[in-house]
Amino acid sequence: MPIAELKALLWWSALINYLFLFIWFGAITLAHDAIFRLHTRWFALSMPTFDALHYGGMALLKIGILLLNLTPLLVLCIVY
């Protein structure tokens, strides 16, 4: 794969992943109680556990985006 295409792929991948992260954050912020009720139908979760799981999941996603999309993109931009 040519370097230019790889850079474009990493840019688009980072953009789509950040869009997903913002939608997730918005859903949890705006519809917290409804999502909590939906999840407690399936799992026995307390409110603090539910919040911690979503906060941790968002943190993992953000770290994944940084490590798997933005770091290789930065390296390619510096080297080429």
PDB file of N, CA and C in Angstrom:
ATOM      1  N   MET A   1       0.847  -1.170   0.000  1.00  0.00           N
ATOM      2  CA  MET A   1       0.000   0.000   0.000  1.00  0.00           C
ATOM      3  C   MET A   1       0.898   1.241   0.000  1.00  0.00           C
ATOM      4  N   PRO A   2       0.652   2.172  -0.906  1.00  0.00           N
ATOM      5  CA  PRO A   2       1.454   3.396  -0.926  1.00  0.00           C
ATOM      6  C   PRO A   2       1.265   4.213   0.358  1.00  0.00           C
ATOM      7  N   ILE A   3       2.280   4.983   0.682  1.00  0.00           N
ATOM      8  CA  ILE A   3       2.277   5.768   1.927  1.00  0.00           C
ATOM      9  C   ILE A   3       1.117   6.764   1.944  1.00  0.00           C
ATOM     10  N   ALA A   4       0.827   7.396   0.822  1.00  0.00           N
ATOM     11  CA  ALA A   4      -0.262   8.384   0.780  1.00  0.00           C
ATOM     12  C   ALA A   4      -1.607   7.733   1.108  1.00  0.00           C
ATOM     13  N   GLU A   5      -1.821   6.535   0.591  1.00  0.00           N
ATOM     14  CA  GLU A   5      -3.077   5.835   0.880  1.00  0.00           C
ATOM     15  C   GLU A   5      -3.143   5.401   2.339  1.00  0.00           C
ATOM     16  N   LEU A   6      -2.011   4.997   2.889  1.00  0.00           N
ATOM     17  CA  LEU A   6      -1.967   4.603   4.291  1.00  0.00           C
ATOM     18  C   LEU A   6      -2.254   5.799   5.200  1.00  0.00           C
ATOM     19  N   LYS A   7      -1.696   6.958   4.868  1.00  0.00           N
ATOM     20  CA  LYS A   7      -1.982   8.172   5.640  1.00  0.00           C
ATOM     21  C   LYS A   7      -3.469   8.502   5.593  1.00  0.00           C
ATOM     22  N   ALA A   8      -4.054   8.430   4.399  1.00  0.00           N
ATOM     23  CA  ALA A   8      -5.483   8.725   4.257  1.00  0.00           C
ATOM     24  C   ALA A   8      -6.325   7.728   5.050  1.00  0.00           C
ATOM     25  N   LEU A   9      -5.936   6.454   5.006  1.00  0.00           N
ATOM     26  CA  LEU A   9      -6.650   5.430   5.755  1.00  0.00           C
ATOM     27  C   LEU A   9      -6.594   5.713   7.257  1.00  0.00           C
ATOM     28  N   LEU A  10      -5.415   6.078   7.758  1.00  0.00           N
ATOM     29  CA  LEU A  10      -5.283   6.369   9.188  1.00  0.00           C
ATOM     30  C   LEU A  10      -6.064   7.616   9.584  1.00  0.00           C
ATOM     31  N   TRP A  11      -6.073   8.647   8.728  1.00  0.00           N
ATOM     32  CA  TRP A  11      -6.866   9.850   9.013  1.00  0.00           C
ATOM     33  C   TRP A  11      -8.344   9.505   9.110  1.00  0.00           C
ATOM     34  N   TRP A  12      -8.852   8.778   8.102  1.00  0.00           N
ATOM     35  CA  TRP A  12     -10.265   8.434   8.106  1.00  0.00           C
ATOM     36  C   TRP A  12     -10.618   7.520   9.269  1.00  0.00           C
ATOM     37  N   SER A  13      -9.744   6.588   9.580  1.00  0.00           N
ATOM     38  CA  SER A  13      -9.983   5.681  10.697  1.00  0.00           C
ATOM     39  C   SER A  13     -10.048   6.449  12.017  1.00  0.00           C
ATOM     40  N   ALA A  14      -9.123   7.375  12.214  1.00  0.00           N
ATOM     41  CA  ALA A  14      -9.134   8.189  13.431  1.00  0.00           C
ATOM     42  C   ALA A  14     -10.399   9.041  13.500  1.00  0.00           C
ATOM     43  N   LEU A  15     -10.780   9.627  12.383  1.00  0.00           N
ATOM     44  CA  LEU A  15     -11.980  10.465  12.354  1.00  0.00           C
ATOM     45  C   LEU A  15     -13.229   9.658  12.689  1.00  0.00           C
ATOM     46  N   ILE A  16     -13.379   8.495  12.089  1.00  0.00           N
ATOM     47  CA  ILE A  16     -14.548   7.664  12.347  1.00  0.00           C
ATOM     48  C   ILE A  16     -14.561   7.181  13.796  1.00  0.00           C
ATOM     49  N   ASN A  17     -13.406   6.799  14.316  1.00  0.00           N
ATOM     50  CA  ASN A  17     -13.335   6.347  15.700  1.00  0.00           C
ATOM     51  C   ASN A  17     -13.647   7.469  16.680  1.00  0.00           C
ATOM     52  N   TYR A  18     -13.135   8.683  16.428  1.00  0.00           N
ATOM     53  CA  TYR A  18     -13.474   9.805  17.304  1.00  0.00           C
ATOM     54  C   TYR A  18     -14.952  10.169  17.200  1.00  0.00           C
ATOM     55  N   LEU A  19     -15.521  10.054  16.013  1.00  0.00           N
ATOM     56  CA  LEU A  19     -16.954  10.298  15.853  1.00  0.00           C
ATOM     57  C   LEU A  19     -17.753   9.304  16.692  1.00  0.00           C
ATOM     58  N   PHE A  20     -17.368   8.039  16.649  1.00  0.00           N
ATOM     59  CA  PHE A  20     -18.015   7.023  17.474  1.00  0.00           C
ATOM     60  C   PHE A  20     -17.868   7.358  18.958  1.00  0.00           C
ATOM     61  N   LEU A  21     -16.685   7.808  19.378  1.00  0.00           N
ATOM     62  CA  LEU A  21     -16.455   8.171  20.771  1.00  0.00           C
ATOM     63  C   LEU A  21     -17.349   9.339  21.186  1.00  0.00           C
ATOM     64  N   PHE A  22     -17.478  10.355  20.344  1.00  0.00           N
ATOM     65  CA  PHE A  22     -18.327  11.499  20.674  1.00  0.00           C
ATOM     66  C   PHE A  22     -19.801  11.114  20.723  1.00  0.00           C
ATOM     67  N   ILE A  23     -20.226  10.225  19.832  1.00  0.00           N
ATOM     68  CA  ILE A  23     -21.613   9.761  19.875  1.00  0.00           C
ATOM     69  C   ILE A  23     -21.866   8.982  21.156  1.00  0.00           C
ATOM     70  N   TRP A  24     -20.931   8.136  21.536  1.00  0.00           N
ATOM     71  CA  TRP A  24     -21.041   7.369  22.779  1.00  0.00           C
ATOM     72  C   TRP A  24     -21.122   8.310  23.963  1.00  0.00           C
ATOM     73  N   PHE A  25     -20.234   9.300  24.014  1.00  0.00           N
ATOM     74  CA  PHE A  25     -20.247  10.269  25.105  1.00  0.00           C
ATOM     75  C   PHE A  25     -21.572  11.038  25.138  1.00  0.00           C
ATOM     76  N   GLY A  26     -22.032  11.456  23.969  1.00  0.00           N
ATOM     77  CA  GLY A  26     -23.293  12.189  23.901  1.00  0.00           C
ATOM     78  C   GLY A  26     -24.472  11.351  24.347  1.00  0.00           C
ATOM     79  N   ALA A  27     -24.487  10.087  23.951  1.00  0.00           N
ATOM     80  CA  ALA A  27     -25.582   9.204  24.354  1.00  0.00           C
ATOM     81  C   ALA A  27     -25.587   9.002  25.861  1.00  0.00           C
ATOM     82  N   ILE A  28     -24.425   8.785  26.448  1.00  0.00           N
ATOM     83  CA  ILE A  28     -24.349   8.585  27.897  1.00  0.00           C
ATOM     84  C   ILE A  28     -24.687   9.881  28.633  1.00  0.00           C
ATOM     85  N   THR A  29     -24.281  11.007  28.088  1.00  0.00           N
ATOM     86  CA  THR A  29     -24.554  12.285  28.745  1.00  0.00           C
ATOM     87  C   THR A  29     -26.033  12.666  28.657  1.00  0.00           C
ATOM     88  N   LEU A  30     -26.611  12.510  27.475  1.00  0.00           N
ATOM     89  CA  LEU A  30     -27.974  12.990  27.259  1.00  0.00           C
ATOM     90  C   LEU A  30     -29.053  11.973  27.651  1.00  0.00           C
ATOM     91  N   ALA A  31     -28.744  10.688  27.540  1.00  0.00           N
ATOM     92  CA  ALA A  31     -29.760   9.666  27.815  1.00  0.00           C
ATOM     93  C   ALA A  31     -29.253   8.659  28.841  1.00  0.00           C
ATOM     94  N   HIS A  32     -28.594   9.149  29.853  1.00  0.00           N
ATOM     95  CA  HIS A  32     -27.957   8.285  30.854  1.00  0.00           C
ATOM     96  C   HIS A  32     -28.957   7.336  31.511  1.00  0.00           C
ATOM     97  N   ASP A  33     -30.054   7.875  31.986  1.00  0.00           N
ATOM     98  CA  ASP A  33     -31.023   7.051  32.726  1.00  0.00           C
ATOM     99  C   ASP A  33     -31.677   6.003  31.835  1.00  0.00           C
ATOM    100  N   ALA A  34     -32.008   6.373  30.603  1.00  0.00           N
ATOM    101  CA  ALA A  34     -32.631   5.409  29.696  1.00  0.00           C
ATOM    102  C   ALA A  34     -31.668   4.277  29.339  1.00  0.00           C
ATOM    103  N   ILE A  35     -30.421   4.613  29.095  1.00  0.00           N
ATOM    104  CA  ILE A  35     -29.427   3.581  28.779  1.00  0.00           C
ATOM    105  C   ILE A  35     -29.163   2.714  30.006  1.00  0.00           C
ATOM    106  N   PHE A  36     -29.147   3.330  31.178  1.00  0.00           N
ATOM    107  CA  PHE A  36     -28.956   2.555  32.408  1.00  0.00           C
ATOM    108  C   PHE A  36     -30.099   1.558  32.603  1.00  0.00           C
ATOM    109  N   ARG A  37     -31.339   2.000  32.397  1.00  0.00           N
ATOM    110  CA  ARG A  37     -32.484   1.089  32.529  1.00  0.00           C
ATOM    111  C   ARG A  37     -32.410  -0.044  31.516  1.00  0.00           C
ATOM    112  N   LEU A  38     -31.991   0.278  30.298  1.00  0.00           N
ATOM    113  CA  LEU A  38     -31.859  -0.751  29.265  1.00  0.00           C
ATOM    114  C   LEU A  38     -30.815  -1.787  29.665  1.00  0.00           C
ATOM    115  N   HIS A  39     -29.687  -1.349  30.171  1.00  0.00           N
ATOM    116  CA  HIS A  39     -28.621  -2.284  30.542  1.00  0.00           C
ATOM    117  C   HIS A  39     -28.957  -3.085  31.795  1.00  0.00           C
ATOM    118  N   THR A  40     -29.701  -2.493  32.713  1.00  0.00           N
ATOM    119  CA  THR A  40     -30.039  -3.239  33.932  1.00  0.00           C
ATOM    120  C   THR A  40     -31.102  -4.306  33.673  1.00  0.00           C
ATOM    121  N   ARG A  41     -31.740  -4.288  32.512  1.00  0.00           N
ATOM    122  CA  ARG A  41     -32.626  -5.396  32.145  1.00  0.00           C
ATOM    123  C   ARG A  41     -31.815  -6.662  31.904  1.00  0.00           C
ATOM    124  N   TRP A  42     -30.621  -6.501  31.384  1.00  0.00           N
ATOM    125  CA  TRP A  42     -29.791  -7.643  31.021  1.00  0.00           C
ATOM    126  C   TRP A  42     -28.782  -8.003  32.106  1.00  0.00           C
ATOM    127  N   PHE A  43     -28.266  -6.996  32.805  1.00  0.00           N
ATOM    128  CA  PHE A  43     -27.191  -7.205  33.773  1.00  0.00           C
ATOM    129  C   PHE A  43     -27.559  -6.564  35.100  1.00  0.00           C
ATOM    130  N   ALA A  44     -27.117  -7.156  36.190  1.00  0.00           N
ATOM    131  CA  ALA A  44     -27.341  -6.582  37.519  1.00  0.00           C
ATOM    132  C   ALA A  44     -26.217  -5.583  37.798  1.00  0.00           C
ATOM    133  N   LEU A  45     -26.464  -4.332  37.443  1.00  0.00           N
ATOM    134  CA  LEU A  45     -25.458  -3.285  37.603  1.00  0.00           C
ATOM    135  C   LEU A  45     -25.967  -2.202  38.540  1.00  0.00           C
ATOM    136  N   SER A  46     -25.071  -1.684  39.352  1.00  0.00           N
ATOM    137  CA  SER A  46     -25.406  -0.488  40.122  1.00  0.00           C
ATOM    138  C   SER A  46     -25.033   0.728  39.278  1.00  0.00           C
ATOM    139  N   MET A  47     -25.541   1.865  39.664  1.00  0.00           N
ATOM    140  CA  MET A  47     -25.255   3.088  38.913  1.00  0.00           C
ATOM    141  C   MET A  47     -23.755   3.400  38.879  1.00  0.00           C
ATOM    142  N   PRO A  48     -23.032   3.322  40.007  1.00  0.00           N
ATOM    143  CA  PRO A  48     -21.586   3.591  39.939  1.00  0.00           C
ATOM    144  C   PRO A  48     -20.827   2.589  39.059  1.00  0.00           C
ATOM    145  N   THR A  49     -21.238   1.335  39.065  1.00  0.00           N
ATOM    146  CA  THR A  49     -20.590   0.337  38.214  1.00  0.00           C
ATOM    147  C   THR A  49     -20.850   0.627  36.744  1.00  0.00           C
ATOM    148  N   PHE A  50     -22.082   0.983  36.428  1.00  0.00           N
ATOM    149  CA  PHE A  50     -22.449   1.341  35.061  1.00  0.00           C
ATOM    150  C   PHE A  50     -21.623   2.527  34.582  1.00  0.00           C
ATOM    151  N   ASP A  51     -21.523   3.557  35.405  1.00  0.00           N
ATOM    152  CA  ASP A  51     -20.740   4.732  35.031  1.00  0.00           C
ATOM    153  C   ASP A  51     -19.266   4.391  34.860  1.00  0.00           C
ATOM    154  N   ALA A  52     -18.730   3.570  35.765  1.00  0.00           N
ATOM    155  CA  ALA A  52     -17.318   3.202  35.683  1.00  0.00           C
ATOM    156  C   ALA A  52     -17.030   2.379  34.432  1.00  0.00           C
ATOM    157  N   LEU A  53     -17.938   1.482  34.075  1.00  0.00           N
ATOM    158  CA  LEU A  53     -17.741   0.679  32.871  1.00  0.00           C
ATOM    159  C   LEU A  53     -17.723   1.544  31.617  1.00  0.00           C
ATOM    160  N   HIS A  54     -18.645   2.480  31.531  1.00  0.00           N
ATOM    161  CA  HIS A  54     -18.682   3.345  30.352  1.00  0.00           C
ATOM    162  C   HIS A  54     -17.497   4.303  30.334  1.00  0.00           C
ATOM    163  N   TYR A  55     -17.127   4.845  31.477  1.00  0.00           N
ATOM    164  CA  TYR A  55     -15.972   5.731  31.537  1.00  0.00           C
ATOM    165  C   TYR A  55     -14.708   4.968  31.148  1.00  0.00           C
ATOM    166  N   GLY A  56     -14.548   3.754  31.675  1.00  0.00           N
ATOM    167  CA  GLY A  56     -13.385   2.940  31.334  1.00  0.00           C
ATOM    168  C   GLY A  56     -13.373   2.540  29.866  1.00  0.00           C
ATOM    169  N   GLY A  57     -14.533   2.204  29.332  1.00  0.00           N
ATOM    170  CA  GLY A  57     -14.623   1.857  27.916  1.00  0.00           C
ATOM    171  C   GLY A  57     -14.253   3.012  27.013  1.00  0.00           C
ATOM    172  N   MET A  58     -14.729   4.201  27.359  1.00  0.00           N
ATOM    173  CA  MET A  58     -14.373   5.376  26.572  1.00  0.00           C
ATOM    174  C   MET A  58     -12.882   5.682  26.681  1.00  0.00           C
ATOM    175  N   ALA A  59     -12.309   5.486  27.864  1.00  0.00           N
ATOM    176  CA  ALA A  59     -10.870   5.708  28.039  1.00  0.00           C
ATOM    177  C   ALA A  59     -10.067   4.711  27.204  1.00  0.00           C
ATOM    178  N   LEU A  60     -10.484   3.443  27.206  1.00  0.00           N
ATOM    179  CA  LEU A  60      -9.795   2.440  26.392  1.00  0.00           C
ATOM    180  C   LEU A  60      -9.896   2.749  24.904  1.00  0.00           C
ATOM    181  N   LEU A  61     -11.052   3.190  24.465  1.00  0.00           N
ATOM    182  CA  LEU A  61     -11.221   3.552  23.062  1.00  0.00           C
ATOM    183  C   LEU A  61     -10.308   4.715  22.697  1.00  0.00           C
ATOM    184  N   LYS A  62     -10.243   5.717  23.570  1.00  0.00           N
ATOM    185  CA  LYS A  62      -9.395   6.872  23.293  1.00  0.00           C
ATOM    186  C   LYS A  62      -7.920   6.476  23.236  1.00  0.00           C
ATOM    187  N   ILE A  63      -7.486   5.615  24.149  1.00  0.00           N
ATOM    188  CA  ILE A  63      -6.107   5.137  24.134  1.00  0.00           C
ATOM    189  C   ILE A  63      -5.844   4.320  22.869  1.00  0.00           C
ATOM    190  N   GLY A  64      -6.811   3.492  22.490  1.00  0.00           N
ATOM    191  CA  GLY A  64      -6.670   2.709  21.269  1.00  0.00           C
ATOM    192  C   GLY A  64      -6.545   3.584  20.036  1.00  0.00           C
ATOM    193  N   ILE A  65      -7.326   4.634  19.958  1.00  0.00           N
ATOM    194  CA  ILE A  65      -7.241   5.553  18.821  1.00  0.00           C
ATOM    195  C   ILE A  65      -5.871   6.216  18.788  1.00  0.00           C
ATOM    196  N   LEU A  66      -5.402   6.647  19.945  1.00  0.00           N
ATOM    197  CA  LEU A  66      -4.090   7.288  19.992  1.00  0.00           C
ATOM    198  C   LEU A  66      -2.978   6.330  19.578  1.00  0.00           C
ATOM    199  N   LEU A  67      -3.021   5.105  20.086  1.00  0.00           N
ATOM    200  CA  LEU A  67      -1.946   4.154  19.806  1.00  0.00           C
ATOM    201  C   LEU A  67      -2.021   3.540  18.414  1.00  0.00           C
ATOM    202  N   LEU A  68      -3.218   3.267  17.932  1.00  0.00           N
ATOM    203  CA  LEU A  68      -3.360   2.523  16.689  1.00  0.00           C
ATOM    204  C   LEU A  68      -3.626   3.388  15.463  1.00  0.00           C
ATOM    205  N   ASN A  69      -4.044   4.631  15.642  1.00  0.00           N
ATOM    206  CA  ASN A  69      -4.317   5.505  14.500  1.00  0.00           C
ATOM    207  C   ASN A  69      -3.389   6.713  14.462  1.00  0.00           C
ATOM    208  N   LEU A  70      -3.361   7.460  15.552  1.00  0.00           N
ATOM    209  CA  LEU A  70      -2.652   8.727  15.509  1.00  0.00           C
ATOM    210  C   LEU A  70      -1.135   8.593  15.625  1.00  0.00           C
ATOM    211  N   THR A  71      -0.656   7.633  16.404  1.00  0.00           N
ATOM    212  CA  THR A  71       0.790   7.444  16.513  1.00  0.00           C
ATOM    213  C   THR A  71       1.395   6.983  15.185  1.00  0.00           C
ATOM    214  N   PRO A  72       0.848   5.953  14.518  1.00  0.00           N
ATOM    215  CA  PRO A  72       1.410   5.596  13.206  1.00  0.00           C
ATOM    216  C   PRO A  72       1.288   6.735  12.195  1.00  0.00           C
ATOM    217  N   LEU A  73       0.203   7.484  12.255  1.00  0.00           N
ATOM    218  CA  LEU A  73       0.030   8.615  11.348  1.00  0.00           C
ATOM    219  C   LEU A  73       1.089   9.675  11.607  1.00  0.00           C
ATOM    220  N   LEU A  74       1.359   9.980  12.848  1.00  0.00           N
ATOM    221  CA  LEU A  74       2.391  10.953  13.192  1.00  0.00           C
ATOM    222  C   LEU A  74       3.758  10.490  12.709  1.00  0.00           C
ATOM    223  N   VAL A  75       4.055   9.221  12.900  1.00  0.00           N
ATOM    224  CA  VAL A  75       5.338   8.673  12.436  1.00  0.00           C
ATOM    225  C   VAL A  75       5.447   8.782  10.925  1.00  0.00           C
ATOM    226  N   LEU A  76       4.386   8.433  10.208  1.00  0.00           N
ATOM    227  CA  LEU A  76       4.428   8.546   8.746  1.00  0.00           C
ATOM    228  C   LEU A  76       4.584   9.988   8.289  1.00  0.00           C
ATOM    229  N   CYS A  77       3.940  10.910   8.989  1.00  0.00           N
ATOM    230  CA  CYS A  77       4.059  12.324   8.627  1.00  0.00           C
ATOM    231  C   CYS A  77       5.470  12.854   8.898  1.00  0.00           C
ATOM    232  N   ILE A  78       6.100  12.366   9.947  1.00  0.00           N
ATOM    233  CA  ILE A  78       7.462  12.808  10.265  1.00  0.00           C
ATOM    234  C   ILE A  78       8.472  12.197   9.303  1.00  0.00           C
ATOM    235  N   VAL A  79       8.318  10.905   9.004  1.00  0.00           N
ATOM    236  CA  VAL A  79       9.303  10.205   8.184  1.00  0.00           C
ATOM    237  C   VAL A  79       9.148  10.541   6.705  1.00  0.00           C
ATOM    238  N   TYR A  80       7.909  10.647   6.215  1.00  0.00           N
ATOM    239  CA  TYR A  80       7.678  10.882   4.785  1.00  0.00           C
ATOM    240  C   TYR A  80       7.084  12.243   4.566  1.00  0.00           C
TER     241      TYR A  80
END
